[in-house]
């Protein structure tokens, strides 16, 4: 899409295309000799639960209202390749299969079912006991679900796998060459901004040497999933950096968030990723010229919120990332005005907000991103956030009433070079 269109014009074009899609008039594959765009999306769908196995119980039969609302949003927007954040980990793809069978494959309020024949799920660091006092409060909590357990875990979670991830795809995922980085250690990132204990003279010593020897960079995991699209490979680079809050003056979560975002910036940069190793011990990043789409809830707004200044800019200002088009919605600006509070002091345009947070703080933010390689053309995109008088508003609501999730699904249509 040309870059000289105004945000208002781009939004109007995006909403028109979305309406056509909802009416079932625009396919997302190949029509005759014309190759149509591929739709990539990210959705922090809040399909996590408070207890182990509860998500699987909820999704093992139809009828869960929240899961049905999430599924309807997916059926209406119809991504070809979709990352879901906050999707509790279950072995053997059990939760993904239950969600497909009982929700995505079932018409929700008349929406057309959607089928994803390819799924990728892997373990998450969330809720895995570290055996250390990572929040430095004087106690080591190792009992899942107990108060303080999440803070002392490798990634925040009440039990192993809470807040995990899943990828659903209409195109084949090359599992044999997929890479996961769950166990890459934070200390092994050159120039890592490790948190400091201000009560000591030593630098960057919030975590002890023993803690750093087992402490991963990724609060969940980072995945490089090669997606085979019409003979071409597109690397779907997905993650969910920790929120840059829920800590103290040491800003341990803010610093981890910054470096979790930096990981992909280094990974896609020729010559910058030699230090990276995956869970199979293979080193390095993407090959020069490899196509990619970065996606996820990055928990970082360009100008507002609590992330460290410049965190998300590591990606949205990267020379290899295409930011010629920014997905937008009509509901974000309306919500900012109606909710007021912190939204009234924000610097970022609410047109691009993707998350509906507490109005007092931090307010609504742009947290979720789908960012393709500079050689991948963006044809369209949007954020699923209807205005209040839209019949589909029942699927999103506004804080604190959230029928689906406090995040919005974000999608882009891209043309993969051949």
Protein backbone atom coordinates (compact mmCIF):
# COMPACT_ATOMS: atom_id res chain seq x y z
CA UNK A 1 0.00 0.00 0.00
CA UNK A 2 1.36 3.47 -0.82
CA UNK A 3 2.91 5.20 2.16
CA UNK A 4 1.49 8.66 1.36
CA UNK A 5 -2.06 7.80 2.37
CA UNK A 6 -3.25 9.36 5.62
CA UNK A 7 -4.11 7.12 8.61
CA UNK A 8 -7.80 8.00 8.10
CA UNK A 9 -7.67 6.90 4.44
CA UNK A 10 -5.78 3.72 5.27
CA UNK A 11 -8.28 2.91 7.99
CA UNK A 12 -11.21 3.40 5.62
CA UNK A 13 -9.61 1.09 3.07
CA UNK A 14 -8.85 -1.48 5.75
CA UNK A 15 -12.39 -1.44 7.13
CA UNK A 16 -13.88 -1.77 3.64
CA UNK A 17 -11.76 -4.85 2.96
CA UNK A 18 -12.73 -6.25 6.35
CA UNK A 19 -16.43 -5.81 5.58
CA UNK A 20 -15.99 -7.60 2.27
CA UNK A 21 -14.27 -10.45 4.06
CA UNK A 22 -17.05 -10.72 6.61
CA UNK A 23 -19.56 -11.01 3.79
CA UNK A 24 -17.61 -13.92 2.41
CA UNK A 25 -16.77 -12.24 -0.89
CA UNK A 26 -12.99 -12.22 -0.61
CA UNK A 27 -11.08 -15.53 -0.43
CA UNK A 28 -7.64 -15.69 1.17
CA UNK A 29 -5.99 -18.26 -1.10
CA UNK A 30 -5.73 -18.58 -4.89
CA UNK A 31 -8.56 -17.53 -7.18
CA UNK A 32 -7.97 -18.71 -10.75
CA UNK A 33 -4.61 -17.37 -11.89
CA UNK A 34 -4.58 -14.58 -9.33
CA UNK A 35 -2.50 -15.12 -6.20
CA UNK A 36 -4.19 -13.41 -3.27
CA UNK A 37 -2.45 -12.24 -0.10
CA UNK A 38 -1.69 -14.41 2.90
CA UNK A 39 -3.18 -13.22 6.19
CA UNK A 40 -0.88 -13.32 9.24
CA UNK A 41 -2.33 -12.49 12.65
CA UNK A 42 -1.54 -12.35 16.34
CA UNK A 43 -4.09 -12.57 19.14
CA UNK A 44 -3.47 -12.57 22.88
CA UNK A 45 -6.70 -14.46 23.42
CA UNK A 46 -6.55 -14.90 27.21
CA UNK A 47 -7.24 -18.62 26.86
CA UNK A 48 -5.17 -19.20 29.98
CA UNK A 49 -6.75 -20.38 33.21
CA UNK A 50 -5.86 -20.17 36.91
CA UNK A 51 -5.32 -23.88 37.51
CA UNK A 52 -3.50 -26.64 35.60
CA UNK A 53 -5.80 -28.53 33.25
CA UNK A 54 -8.63 -26.02 33.64
CA UNK A 55 -8.23 -24.65 30.09
CA UNK A 56 -8.38 -28.17 28.67
CA UNK A 57 -11.51 -28.87 30.70
CA UNK A 58 -13.12 -25.65 29.49
CA UNK A 59 -12.30 -26.30 25.83
CA UNK A 60 -13.00 -30.04 25.79
CA UNK A 61 -16.66 -29.37 25.06
CA UNK A 62 -18.58 -26.53 23.40
CA UNK A 63 -20.29 -23.92 25.51
CA UNK A 64 -17.55 -21.84 27.10
CA UNK A 65 -18.65 -18.27 26.36
CA UNK A 66 -15.18 -16.73 26.37
CA UNK A 67 -13.67 -19.39 24.11
CA UNK A 68 -16.66 -19.07 21.77
CA UNK A 69 -16.14 -15.29 21.53
CA UNK A 70 -12.44 -15.80 20.76
CA UNK A 71 -13.30 -18.39 18.12
CA UNK A 72 -15.89 -16.12 16.50
CA UNK A 73 -13.34 -13.31 16.18
CA UNK A 74 -10.96 -15.75 14.48
CA UNK A 75 -13.73 -17.02 12.19
CA UNK A 76 -14.66 -13.47 11.19
CA UNK A 77 -11.11 -12.28 10.52
CA UNK A 78 -10.00 -15.63 9.02
CA UNK A 79 -6.19 -15.55 9.42
CA UNK A 80 -4.17 -18.01 7.36
CA UNK A 81 -1.38 -18.10 9.94
CA UNK A 82 -2.25 -17.23 13.53
CA UNK A 83 -0.28 -16.88 16.76
CA UNK A 84 -2.32 -17.17 19.94
CA UNK A 85 -0.65 -15.83 23.09
CA UNK A 86 -1.85 -16.80 26.58
CA UNK A 87 -2.78 -20.33 25.54
CA UNK A 88 -1.91 -22.76 28.34
CA UNK A 89 0.55 -25.47 27.34
CA UNK A 90 -0.78 -29.03 27.18
CA UNK A 91 1.33 -31.92 25.84
CA UNK A 92 0.48 -33.60 22.56
CA UNK A 93 -1.34 -30.51 21.23
CA UNK A 94 -4.32 -31.48 23.39
CA UNK A 95 -5.56 -27.94 24.05
CA UNK A 96 -5.06 -26.86 20.42
CA UNK A 97 -6.99 -29.87 19.18
CA UNK A 98 -9.82 -29.23 21.65
CA UNK A 99 -10.06 -25.58 20.60
CA UNK A 100 -10.13 -26.57 16.93
CA UNK A 101 -12.68 -29.35 17.36
CA UNK A 102 -15.12 -27.66 19.74
CA UNK A 103 -14.82 -23.99 18.78
CA UNK A 104 -13.02 -23.14 15.53
CA UNK A 105 -14.73 -25.98 13.65
CA UNK A 106 -18.14 -25.00 15.01
CA UNK A 107 -20.00 -22.00 13.51
CA UNK A 108 -20.18 -19.29 16.15
CA UNK A 109 -23.30 -17.12 15.77
CA UNK A 110 -23.46 -18.04 12.09
CA UNK A 111 -19.80 -17.33 11.35
CA UNK A 112 -18.15 -19.76 8.96
CA UNK A 113 -16.02 -22.43 10.68
CA UNK A 114 -12.31 -22.30 10.06
CA UNK A 115 -9.91 -25.23 9.91
CA UNK A 116 -6.19 -25.18 10.62
CA UNK A 117 -4.55 -28.46 9.58
CA UNK A 118 -1.14 -27.41 10.95
CA UNK A 119 -0.40 -26.56 14.59
CA UNK A 120 2.77 -25.87 16.57
CA UNK A 121 2.86 -26.03 20.36
CA UNK A 122 5.91 -26.29 22.63
CA UNK A 123 6.70 -25.84 26.35
CA UNK A 124 6.86 -22.43 27.99
CA UNK A 125 9.09 -21.15 30.81
CA UNK A 126 6.06 -19.80 32.62
CA UNK A 127 5.38 -21.43 35.97
CA UNK A 128 8.56 -23.54 35.97
CA UNK A 129 10.10 -23.38 39.44
CA UNK A 130 13.59 -21.89 39.52
CA UNK A 131 14.44 -23.04 43.02
CA UNK A 132 15.70 -19.53 43.76
CA UNK A 133 14.42 -16.32 45.36
CA UNK A 134 14.19 -14.41 42.08
CA UNK A 135 12.20 -11.49 43.48
CA UNK A 136 14.64 -11.13 46.41
CA UNK A 137 11.92 -10.96 49.06
CA UNK A 138 13.66 -13.38 51.40
CA UNK A 139 11.71 -16.54 50.58
CA UNK A 140 11.91 -19.24 47.92
CA UNK A 141 8.45 -20.41 46.79
CA UNK A 142 8.42 -23.74 45.00
CA UNK A 143 4.79 -24.82 45.42
CA UNK A 144 2.76 -24.18 42.24
CA UNK A 145 -0.17 -21.88 42.87
CA UNK A 146 1.20 -20.57 46.16
CA UNK A 147 1.54 -16.81 46.68
CA UNK A 148 4.87 -15.66 45.25
CA UNK A 149 5.40 -18.80 43.16
CA UNK A 150 5.12 -16.93 39.86
CA UNK A 151 7.74 -14.37 40.88
CA UNK A 152 10.23 -17.13 41.69
CA UNK A 153 9.55 -19.05 38.48
CA UNK A 154 11.59 -18.89 35.27
CA UNK A 155 8.63 -17.03 33.72
CA UNK A 156 5.65 -15.73 35.63
CA UNK A 157 2.95 -18.37 36.02
CA UNK A 158 0.99 -20.16 38.72
CA UNK A 159 1.85 -23.54 37.21
CA UNK A 160 4.08 -24.88 34.41
CA UNK A 161 2.82 -23.78 30.99
CA UNK A 162 0.34 -21.11 32.06
CA UNK A 163 0.27 -18.22 29.53
CA UNK A 164 1.87 -20.36 26.81
CA UNK A 165 1.60 -19.99 23.01
CA UNK A 166 0.23 -21.85 20.01
CA UNK A 167 0.44 -21.32 16.25
CA UNK A 168 -2.38 -22.38 13.92
CA UNK A 169 -1.70 -22.43 10.17
CA UNK A 170 -3.40 -23.30 6.90
CA UNK A 171 0.07 -23.70 5.41
CA UNK A 172 2.53 -26.45 6.36
CA UNK A 173 4.87 -25.80 9.28
CA UNK A 174 8.27 -27.41 8.86
CA UNK A 175 8.56 -29.01 12.30
CA UNK A 176 11.89 -30.62 11.38
CA UNK A 177 13.64 -27.26 10.99
CA UNK A 178 11.63 -25.27 13.55
CA UNK A 179 13.79 -23.69 16.24
CA UNK A 180 12.84 -22.95 19.85
CA UNK A 181 14.86 -20.80 22.25
CA UNK A 182 13.23 -21.62 25.58
CA UNK A 183 16.55 -22.31 27.31
CA UNK A 184 18.75 -19.53 25.89
CA UNK A 185 20.24 -17.82 28.95
CA UNK A 186 19.79 -14.10 29.45
CA UNK A 187 23.41 -13.70 30.57
CA UNK A 188 24.60 -15.04 27.21
CA UNK A 189 23.24 -12.02 25.32
CA UNK A 190 26.16 -9.60 24.81
CA UNK A 191 25.35 -6.28 26.46
CA UNK A 192 22.28 -7.67 28.24
CA UNK A 193 20.72 -5.04 30.50
CA UNK A 194 20.61 -7.22 33.59
CA UNK A 195 18.88 -5.66 36.62
CA UNK A 196 20.90 -4.18 39.45
CA UNK A 197 20.51 -4.42 43.20
CA UNK A 198 20.86 -0.82 44.38
CA UNK A 199 21.72 -1.99 47.90
CA UNK A 200 25.12 -3.26 46.79
CA UNK A 201 28.10 -1.67 45.05
CA UNK A 202 28.36 -4.39 42.42
CA UNK A 203 26.71 -3.73 39.04
CA UNK A 204 23.92 -5.80 37.46
CA UNK A 205 23.70 -8.08 40.50
CA UNK A 206 19.97 -8.43 41.19
CA UNK A 207 20.38 -12.07 40.20
CA UNK A 208 23.25 -14.09 41.65
CA UNK A 209 25.72 -15.94 39.47
CA UNK A 210 23.97 -19.18 40.40
CA UNK A 211 20.61 -17.75 39.35
CA UNK A 212 21.95 -16.37 36.07
CA UNK A 213 23.38 -19.80 35.28
CA UNK A 214 19.81 -21.13 34.91
CA UNK A 215 17.78 -18.00 34.13
CA UNK A 216 16.45 -17.87 30.54
CA UNK A 217 15.99 -14.72 28.51
CA UNK A 218 12.55 -15.73 27.32
CA UNK A 219 9.71 -15.48 29.83
CA UNK A 220 7.72 -17.93 27.65
CA UNK A 221 9.78 -18.95 24.62
CA UNK A 222 10.92 -17.65 21.25
CA UNK A 223 10.03 -19.76 18.20
CA UNK A 224 11.27 -19.64 14.60
CA UNK A 225 8.67 -21.58 12.60
CA UNK A 226 9.35 -22.04 8.88
CA UNK A 227 5.98 -21.80 7.09
CA UNK A 228 5.91 -23.19 3.53
CA UNK A 229 3.74 -20.85 1.45
CA UNK A 230 3.35 -21.72 -2.25
CA UNK A 231 6.88 -23.02 -2.52
CA UNK A 232 8.47 -20.27 -0.42
CA UNK A 233 9.59 -20.36 3.22
CA UNK A 234 8.50 -17.56 5.54
CA UNK A 235 9.91 -17.71 9.06
CA UNK A 236 7.17 -16.96 11.58
CA UNK A 237 9.09 -15.47 14.52
CA UNK A 238 6.83 -15.49 17.55
CA UNK A 239 7.16 -14.70 21.24
CA UNK A 240 5.45 -12.97 24.17
CA UNK A 241 7.87 -10.80 26.17
CA UNK A 242 7.10 -10.27 29.84
CA UNK A 243 5.06 -7.20 30.86
CA UNK A 244 7.45 -4.43 31.95
CA UNK A 245 5.65 -4.04 35.30
CA UNK A 246 5.03 -5.98 38.54
CA UNK A 247 8.55 -5.38 39.84
CA UNK A 248 10.44 -2.66 41.75
CA UNK A 249 13.04 0.02 41.20
CA UNK A 250 15.38 -2.58 39.71
CA UNK A 251 12.93 -2.87 36.76
CA UNK A 252 13.80 -6.53 36.25
CA UNK A 253 10.72 -7.13 34.10
CA UNK A 254 11.18 -3.97 32.04
CA UNK A 255 14.77 -4.92 31.28
CA UNK A 256 13.85 -8.47 30.41
CA UNK A 257 11.09 -7.18 28.13
CA UNK A 258 13.61 -4.93 26.34
CA UNK A 259 16.06 -7.77 25.75
CA UNK A 260 13.32 -10.24 24.74
CA UNK A 261 12.37 -7.78 21.99
CA UNK A 262 16.04 -7.22 21.15
CA UNK A 263 16.44 -10.98 20.59
CA UNK A 264 14.46 -10.85 17.33
CA UNK A 265 16.20 -7.64 16.24
CA UNK A 266 19.55 -9.43 16.55
CA UNK A 267 18.20 -12.67 15.10
CA UNK A 268 17.20 -11.05 11.80
CA UNK A 269 20.35 -8.90 11.49
CA UNK A 270 23.19 -10.44 9.48
CA UNK A 271 26.27 -10.78 11.67
CA UNK A 272 24.48 -9.87 14.92
CA UNK A 273 23.17 -13.28 15.97
CA UNK A 274 26.32 -15.40 16.30
CA UNK A 275 25.83 -15.55 20.08
CA UNK A 276 22.32 -17.05 19.83
CA UNK A 277 21.86 -20.80 20.31
CA UNK A 278 18.63 -22.76 20.11
CA UNK A 279 17.36 -25.61 22.29
CA UNK A 280 19.18 -28.14 20.08
CA UNK A 281 22.48 -26.29 20.49
CA UNK A 282 22.54 -24.85 16.97
CA UNK A 283 23.97 -21.32 16.85
CA UNK A 284 23.17 -18.26 14.74
CA UNK A 285 20.17 -16.40 13.39
CA UNK A 286 18.37 -16.15 10.08
CA UNK A 287 20.28 -16.49 6.84
CA UNK A 288 20.78 -13.25 4.95
CA UNK A 289 17.73 -12.68 2.72
CA UNK A 290 15.46 -15.11 4.56
CA UNK A 291 11.85 -13.93 4.65
CA UNK A 292 10.13 -13.51 8.02
CA UNK A 293 7.08 -12.21 9.83
CA UNK A 294 7.56 -11.23 13.48
CA UNK A 295 4.42 -11.53 15.60
CA UNK A 296 3.32 -11.40 19.20
CA UNK A 297 2.19 -9.47 22.22
CA UNK A 298 5.39 -7.49 22.71
CA UNK A 299 4.05 -5.65 25.79
CA UNK A 300 5.60 -2.42 24.54
CA UNK A 301 3.96 0.71 23.16
CA UNK A 302 6.18 3.07 21.13
CA UNK A 303 5.50 6.07 23.39
CA UNK A 304 3.25 5.13 26.33
CA UNK A 305 3.18 2.61 29.15
CA UNK A 306 6.03 1.29 31.27
CA UNK A 307 8.40 -0.36 28.80
CA UNK A 308 11.93 0.98 28.57
CA UNK A 309 12.27 3.79 26.06
CA UNK A 310 13.20 2.43 22.67
CA UNK A 311 12.16 -1.18 23.40
CA UNK A 312 9.74 -1.76 20.54
CA UNK A 313 11.67 0.66 18.34
CA UNK A 314 14.29 -2.10 18.08
CA UNK A 315 11.82 -3.78 15.70
CA UNK A 316 9.65 -1.04 14.22
CA UNK A 317 12.70 1.04 13.29
CA UNK A 318 14.74 -1.92 12.04
CA UNK A 319 15.95 -1.58 8.45
CA UNK A 320 14.74 -5.08 7.55
CA UNK A 321 11.20 -4.63 8.91
CA UNK A 322 8.37 -3.30 6.73
CA UNK A 323 6.39 -0.65 8.62
CA UNK A 324 4.88 1.06 5.57
CA UNK A 325 1.43 0.14 6.89
CA UNK A 326 0.14 0.11 10.46
CA UNK A 327 -3.04 -1.83 11.29
CA UNK A 328 -5.74 0.35 12.83
CA UNK A 329 -9.29 0.20 14.19
CA UNK A 330 -12.28 2.48 14.75
CA UNK A 331 -12.82 1.14 18.28
CA UNK A 332 -9.47 2.21 19.71
CA UNK A 333 -9.98 5.97 19.30
CA UNK A 334 -13.56 5.72 20.53
CA UNK A 335 -12.53 3.78 23.63
CA UNK A 336 -9.75 6.26 24.45
CA UNK A 337 -12.25 9.12 24.48
CA UNK A 338 -15.01 7.29 26.35
CA UNK A 339 -12.70 5.77 28.96
CA UNK A 340 -10.55 8.85 29.54
CA UNK A 341 -8.11 8.53 32.42
CA UNK A 342 -4.55 7.76 31.35
CA UNK A 343 -5.68 7.63 27.73
CA UNK A 344 -6.06 11.41 27.72
CA UNK A 345 -2.34 11.89 28.35
CA UNK A 346 -1.05 9.33 25.87
CA UNK A 347 1.28 10.33 23.05
CA UNK A 348 0.63 7.33 20.76
CA UNK A 349 -2.33 7.55 18.39
CA UNK A 350 -5.19 5.40 19.81
CA UNK A 351 -5.98 4.45 16.21
CA UNK A 352 -3.25 1.84 16.64
CA UNK A 353 -4.04 0.65 20.19
CA UNK A 354 -4.37 -3.13 20.48
CA UNK A 355 -5.00 -3.63 24.20
CA UNK A 356 -7.75 -2.32 26.49
CA UNK A 357 -6.13 -1.94 29.90
CA UNK A 358 -7.17 -0.22 33.12
CA UNK A 359 -8.13 3.40 32.51
CA UNK A 360 -6.23 4.73 35.53
CA UNK A 361 -2.92 3.13 34.46
CA UNK A 362 -1.54 2.28 32.01
CA UNK A 363 -4.57 3.01 29.79
CA UNK A 364 -4.97 1.46 26.35
CA UNK A 365 -1.76 0.64 24.50
CA UNK A 366 -0.33 -0.67 21.27
CA UNK A 367 1.10 -3.96 22.50
CA UNK A 368 0.54 -6.48 19.69
CA UNK A 369 2.44 -6.49 16.40
CA UNK A 370 2.66 -8.31 13.07
CA UNK A 371 5.83 -7.13 11.30
CA UNK A 372 6.98 -8.59 7.96
CA UNK A 373 10.31 -8.52 6.18
CA UNK A 374 10.92 -5.38 4.15
CA UNK A 375 10.67 -7.41 0.92
CA UNK A 376 7.17 -8.65 1.81
CA UNK A 377 4.52 -6.21 0.58
CA UNK A 378 1.67 -5.37 2.94
CA UNK A 379 -1.64 -5.18 1.09
CA UNK A 380 -4.02 -4.54 3.97
CA UNK A 381 -4.52 -5.00 7.68
CA UNK A 382 -6.62 -4.05 10.66
CA UNK A 383 -7.23 -4.44 14.37
CA UNK A 384 -10.48 -6.16 15.34
CA UNK A 385 -11.89 -3.49 17.64
CA UNK A 386 -15.45 -2.44 16.68
CA UNK A 387 -17.13 0.73 17.92
CA UNK A 388 -19.93 0.50 20.48
CA UNK A 389 -22.80 0.73 17.96
CA UNK A 390 -21.35 -2.08 15.83
CA UNK A 391 -23.20 -5.40 16.41
CA UNK A 392 -19.79 -7.09 16.74
CA UNK A 393 -18.92 -4.94 19.76
CA UNK A 394 -20.42 -7.75 21.85
CA UNK A 395 -17.23 -9.74 21.11
CA UNK A 396 -14.77 -7.21 22.54
CA UNK A 397 -16.58 -4.90 24.92
CA UNK A 398 -14.60 -2.23 26.70
CA UNK A 399 -12.66 -2.49 29.96
CA UNK A 400 -13.59 -3.89 32.44
CA UNK A 401 -16.21 -5.90 30.49
CA UNK A 402 -14.17 -8.13 28.17
CA UNK A 403 -16.15 -11.05 26.67
CA UNK A 404 -13.08 -12.37 24.82
CA UNK A 405 -9.79 -10.75 25.81
CA UNK A 406 -8.35 -7.41 26.86
CA UNK A 407 -6.23 -7.63 23.70
CA UNK A 408 -7.45 -7.33 20.11
CA UNK A 409 -6.63 -9.55 17.17
CA UNK A 410 -4.24 -7.82 14.76
CA UNK A 411 -3.88 -8.97 11.14
CA UNK A 412 -2.07 -8.02 7.95
CA UNK A 413 -2.45 -9.30 4.40
CA UNK A 414 0.91 -9.77 2.70
CA UNK A 415 2.16 -10.80 -0.70
CA UNK A 416 4.96 -13.33 -0.39
CA UNK A 417 7.65 -12.84 -3.08
CA UNK A 418 8.10 -15.77 -5.47
